[in-house]
Protein backbone atom coordinates (compact mmCIF):
# COMPACT_ATOMS: atom_id res chain seq x y z
CA UNK A 1 -35.14 18.17 35.00
CA UNK A 2 -35.57 21.95 35.43
CA UNK A 3 -32.84 24.54 35.53
CA UNK A 4 -30.65 24.35 38.64
CA UNK A 5 -31.11 27.18 41.12
CA UNK A 6 -27.44 27.27 42.08
CA UNK A 7 -24.18 25.86 40.79
CA UNK A 8 -21.47 26.95 43.26
CA UNK A 9 -19.09 24.39 44.70
CA UNK A 10 -19.78 23.87 48.42
CA UNK A 11 -17.62 22.07 50.96
CA UNK A 12 -19.57 20.28 53.75
CA UNK A 13 -17.59 18.88 56.68
CA UNK A 14 -19.26 16.17 58.74
CA UNK A 15 -22.20 14.08 57.57
CA UNK A 16 -24.13 13.58 60.79
CA UNK A 17 -27.83 14.42 60.96
CA UNK A 18 -27.25 18.15 60.53
CA UNK A 19 -24.39 18.09 58.01
CA UNK A 20 -25.94 15.25 56.04
CA UNK A 21 -29.26 17.07 55.69
CA UNK A 22 -27.46 20.26 54.62
CA UNK A 23 -25.35 18.39 52.04
CA UNK A 24 -28.27 16.58 50.44
CA UNK A 25 -30.43 19.71 50.22
CA UNK A 26 -27.57 21.79 48.77
CA UNK A 27 -27.00 19.11 46.16
CA UNK A 28 -30.71 19.04 45.36
CA UNK A 29 -30.67 22.80 44.84
CA UNK A 30 -27.96 22.39 42.22
CA UNK A 31 -24.75 22.98 44.13
CA UNK A 32 -21.72 20.78 43.48
CA UNK A 33 -21.28 19.39 47.00
CA UNK A 34 -17.96 17.99 48.15
CA UNK A 35 -18.43 16.30 51.53
CA UNK A 36 -15.68 15.38 54.00
CA UNK A 37 -16.45 12.69 56.58
CA UNK A 38 -14.03 10.86 58.90
CA UNK A 39 -16.22 7.78 59.41
CA UNK A 40 -15.85 5.37 56.49
CA UNK A 41 -19.21 3.63 56.90
CA UNK A 42 -21.11 6.91 57.22
CA UNK A 43 -19.31 8.35 54.20
CA UNK A 44 -20.32 5.35 52.10
CA UNK A 45 -24.02 5.91 52.80
CA UNK A 46 -23.79 9.23 50.92
CA UNK A 47 -22.34 7.77 47.73
CA UNK A 48 -24.46 9.00 44.84
CA UNK A 49 -26.27 11.54 47.02
CA UNK A 50 -23.64 14.28 46.71
CA UNK A 51 -21.14 15.09 43.98
CA UNK A 52 -18.02 13.90 45.80
CA UNK A 53 -17.18 12.33 49.15
CA UNK A 54 -13.75 12.45 50.75
CA UNK A 55 -12.97 10.28 53.75
CA UNK A 56 -10.64 12.36 55.90
CA UNK A 57 -10.20 13.99 59.31
CA UNK A 58 -10.99 17.64 58.63
CA UNK A 59 -9.43 18.73 61.93
CA UNK A 60 -6.03 18.02 60.31
CA UNK A 61 -4.71 20.66 57.87
CA UNK A 62 -3.45 17.88 55.58
CA UNK A 63 -7.06 16.87 54.88
CA UNK A 64 -7.47 19.94 52.67
CA UNK A 65 -4.28 19.41 50.71
CA UNK A 66 -5.93 17.59 47.81
CA UNK A 67 -9.26 19.42 48.00
CA UNK A 68 -8.03 22.81 46.77
CA UNK A 69 -10.08 24.34 49.57
CA UNK A 70 -9.29 27.87 48.41
CA UNK A 71 -11.43 27.27 45.31
CA UNK A 72 -14.61 26.92 47.40
CA UNK A 73 -16.70 30.03 47.96
CA UNK A 74 -18.74 28.41 50.72
CA UNK A 75 -18.12 25.84 53.44
CA UNK A 76 -20.33 24.31 56.13
CA UNK A 77 -18.94 22.71 59.29
CA UNK A 78 -21.49 20.22 60.58
CA UNK A 79 -19.26 18.32 63.03
CA UNK A 80 -21.39 17.44 66.04
CA UNK A 81 -19.30 14.94 67.99
CA UNK A 82 -16.44 17.13 69.21
CA UNK A 83 -16.04 20.84 69.95
CA UNK A 84 -12.29 20.50 69.49
CA UNK A 85 -12.62 18.86 66.06
CA UNK A 86 -15.15 21.50 64.99
CA UNK A 87 -12.92 24.38 66.04
CA UNK A 88 -9.80 22.92 64.45
CA UNK A 89 -11.72 22.29 61.21
CA UNK A 90 -13.10 25.83 61.22
CA UNK A 91 -9.59 27.23 61.79
CA UNK A 92 -8.33 25.27 58.78
CA UNK A 93 -11.13 26.72 56.63
CA UNK A 94 -10.45 30.26 57.86
CA UNK A 95 -6.73 29.81 57.15
CA UNK A 96 -7.61 28.58 53.66
CA UNK A 97 -9.37 31.89 53.03
CA UNK A 98 -12.81 30.51 52.18
CA UNK A 99 -15.04 33.63 51.82
CA UNK A 100 -18.12 32.30 53.60
CA UNK A 101 -18.06 29.73 56.40
CA UNK A 102 -21.09 28.40 58.28
CA UNK A 103 -20.62 26.22 61.34
CA UNK A 104 -22.82 24.35 63.79
CA UNK A 105 -22.28 25.17 67.46
CA UNK A 106 -22.94 22.64 70.23
CA UNK A 107 -22.96 25.15 73.10
CA UNK A 108 -22.96 28.95 73.57
CA UNK A 109 -19.26 28.76 74.49
CA UNK A 110 -18.55 26.81 71.30
CA UNK A 111 -20.43 29.48 69.32
CA UNK A 112 -18.29 32.26 70.83
CA UNK A 113 -15.07 30.43 69.93
CA UNK A 114 -16.22 29.89 66.35
CA UNK A 115 -17.12 33.58 66.01
CA UNK A 116 -13.76 34.69 67.44
CA UNK A 117 -11.70 32.59 65.04
CA UNK A 118 -13.52 34.08 62.06
CA UNK A 119 -16.52 31.88 61.21
CA UNK A 120 -19.01 34.10 59.40
CA UNK A 121 -22.27 32.38 60.36
CA UNK A 122 -22.70 30.29 63.52
CA UNK A 123 -25.80 28.09 63.81
CA UNK A 124 -27.11 26.72 67.12
CA UNK A 125 -29.82 24.29 65.94
CA UNK A 126 -30.58 22.83 69.38
CA UNK A 127 -31.05 26.23 71.01
CA UNK A 128 -33.02 27.57 68.04
CA UNK A 129 -35.24 24.49 68.03
CA UNK A 130 -35.81 24.77 71.77
CA UNK A 131 -36.96 28.39 71.52
CA UNK A 132 -39.21 27.51 68.59
CA UNK A 133 -40.86 24.64 70.46
CA UNK A 134 -41.49 26.90 73.47
CA UNK A 135 -43.53 29.20 71.24
CA UNK A 136 -45.48 26.32 69.70
CA UNK A 137 -46.38 24.47 72.90
CA UNK A 138 -49.45 26.53 73.74
CA UNK A 139 -51.11 25.45 70.49
CA UNK A 140 -51.83 28.98 69.29
CA UNK A 141 -48.99 29.10 66.76
CA UNK A 142 -48.61 26.55 63.95
CA UNK A 143 -45.05 27.58 63.04
CA UNK A 144 -42.51 30.08 64.31
CA UNK A 145 -39.32 31.47 62.74
CA UNK A 146 -37.28 33.94 64.78
CA UNK A 147 -34.50 36.19 63.49
CA UNK A 148 -31.54 37.68 65.36
CA UNK A 149 -32.98 41.14 65.87
CA UNK A 150 -36.09 40.14 67.85
CA UNK A 151 -38.23 39.84 64.72
CA UNK A 152 -40.24 36.75 63.79
CA UNK A 153 -42.66 35.32 61.25
CA UNK A 154 -45.41 32.99 62.47
CA UNK A 155 -48.15 30.83 61.01
CA UNK A 156 -51.30 30.94 63.11
CA UNK A 157 -55.05 30.61 63.22
CA UNK A 158 -56.81 33.98 63.22
CA UNK A 159 -57.79 35.54 66.56
CA UNK A 160 -61.52 35.68 67.21
CA UNK A 161 -61.64 39.44 66.71
CA UNK A 162 -60.46 39.12 63.08
CA UNK A 163 -62.94 36.44 61.98
CA UNK A 164 -65.65 37.70 59.67
CA UNK A 165 -63.91 41.03 59.04
CA UNK A 166 -61.51 42.39 56.47
CA UNK A 167 -57.99 43.18 57.65
CA UNK A 168 -58.80 46.88 57.34
CA UNK A 169 -61.80 46.43 59.64
CA UNK A 170 -60.08 44.33 62.30
CA UNK A 171 -57.07 46.71 62.40
CA UNK A 172 -54.64 44.02 63.54
CA UNK A 173 -51.64 46.14 62.55
CA UNK A 174 -52.68 49.26 64.46
CA UNK A 175 -53.85 47.30 67.52
CA UNK A 176 -50.91 44.92 67.87
CA UNK A 177 -48.04 46.40 65.85
CA UNK A 178 -47.70 43.32 63.62
CA UNK A 179 -48.42 42.76 59.94
CA UNK A 180 -50.56 40.05 58.35
CA UNK A 181 -48.46 39.12 55.32
CA UNK A 182 -50.46 36.27 53.84
CA UNK A 183 -53.74 34.39 54.18
CA UNK A 184 -54.51 30.81 53.21
CA UNK A 185 -58.05 29.48 52.86
CA UNK A 186 -58.69 25.70 52.90
CA UNK A 187 -57.89 24.21 49.51
CA UNK A 188 -56.24 27.40 48.23
CA UNK A 189 -52.64 28.60 48.06
CA UNK A 190 -51.32 31.37 50.28
CA UNK A 191 -52.07 34.82 48.87
CA UNK A 192 -50.65 38.19 49.85
CA UNK A 193 -52.86 39.89 52.42
CA UNK A 194 -54.62 43.09 51.34
CA UNK A 195 -56.71 45.54 53.40
CA UNK A 196 -59.84 44.15 51.75
CA UNK A 197 -58.92 40.50 52.50
CA UNK A 198 -61.72 38.96 54.57
CA UNK A 199 -60.67 36.45 57.23
CA UNK A 200 -62.69 33.33 58.09
CA UNK A 201 -62.38 30.94 61.03
CA UNK A 202 -60.86 28.30 58.76
CA UNK A 203 -58.09 30.52 57.39
CA UNK A 204 -54.40 30.38 58.25
CA UNK A 205 -52.47 33.64 58.66
CA UNK A 206 -48.80 34.45 58.12
CA UNK A 207 -47.95 37.31 60.47
CA UNK A 208 -44.65 39.16 60.93
CA UNK A 209 -43.38 41.55 63.57
CA UNK A 210 -41.46 41.89 66.85
CA UNK A 211 -41.50 38.66 68.85
CA UNK A 212 -43.07 40.18 71.97
CA UNK A 213 -45.92 41.71 69.95
CA UNK A 214 -46.54 38.46 68.09
CA UNK A 215 -46.73 36.65 71.42
CA UNK A 216 -49.28 39.24 72.56
CA UNK A 217 -51.43 38.62 69.48
CA UNK A 218 -51.10 34.84 69.88
CA UNK A 219 -52.36 35.07 73.45
CA UNK A 220 -55.68 36.51 72.27
CA UNK A 221 -58.64 34.08 72.11
């Protein structure tokens, strides 16, 4: 087995679809994952998949008594069944002084509460997924990742005007205000895009830039 990428202890609260996926991937990356789950049967399904599982109700301060929560640098709240339980759990983690807390929000109102009580990173997977799907529905984009400041990175087929030309010749950046970051030809790995990179109809492009300008490029034939 290769060298682990990370080795920090991470506390994951709630092992539903979101929390469970986070816990398993963090463990795979090398973190020592301690998971807290109220449901006994669900907790048992993660035996051997993460470093330690504690069956407890994380909305109760007593749940953290034996965990030495203050020793964790990072915690993730993945509770998806109850806004109240999520908020109470997050408050307990904030009170414990954990330096970095991530939490899943079920609604925009839930997100605002989590931010106000001191959660450092609030994730809204349903809303984020909905926006992403909206950009993918027209079939022009193959993948879409949006950031908070109106910036995105997309994977797309090249527009007709770029096919058969180098990136310098097609002038995508000057015409549309976006940057072709990488190009992948069939059977090859992605490579960094250079001015002399020639684009074919079978290539896949990675393009970055403001979301509205990327949408403009994606609307081209």
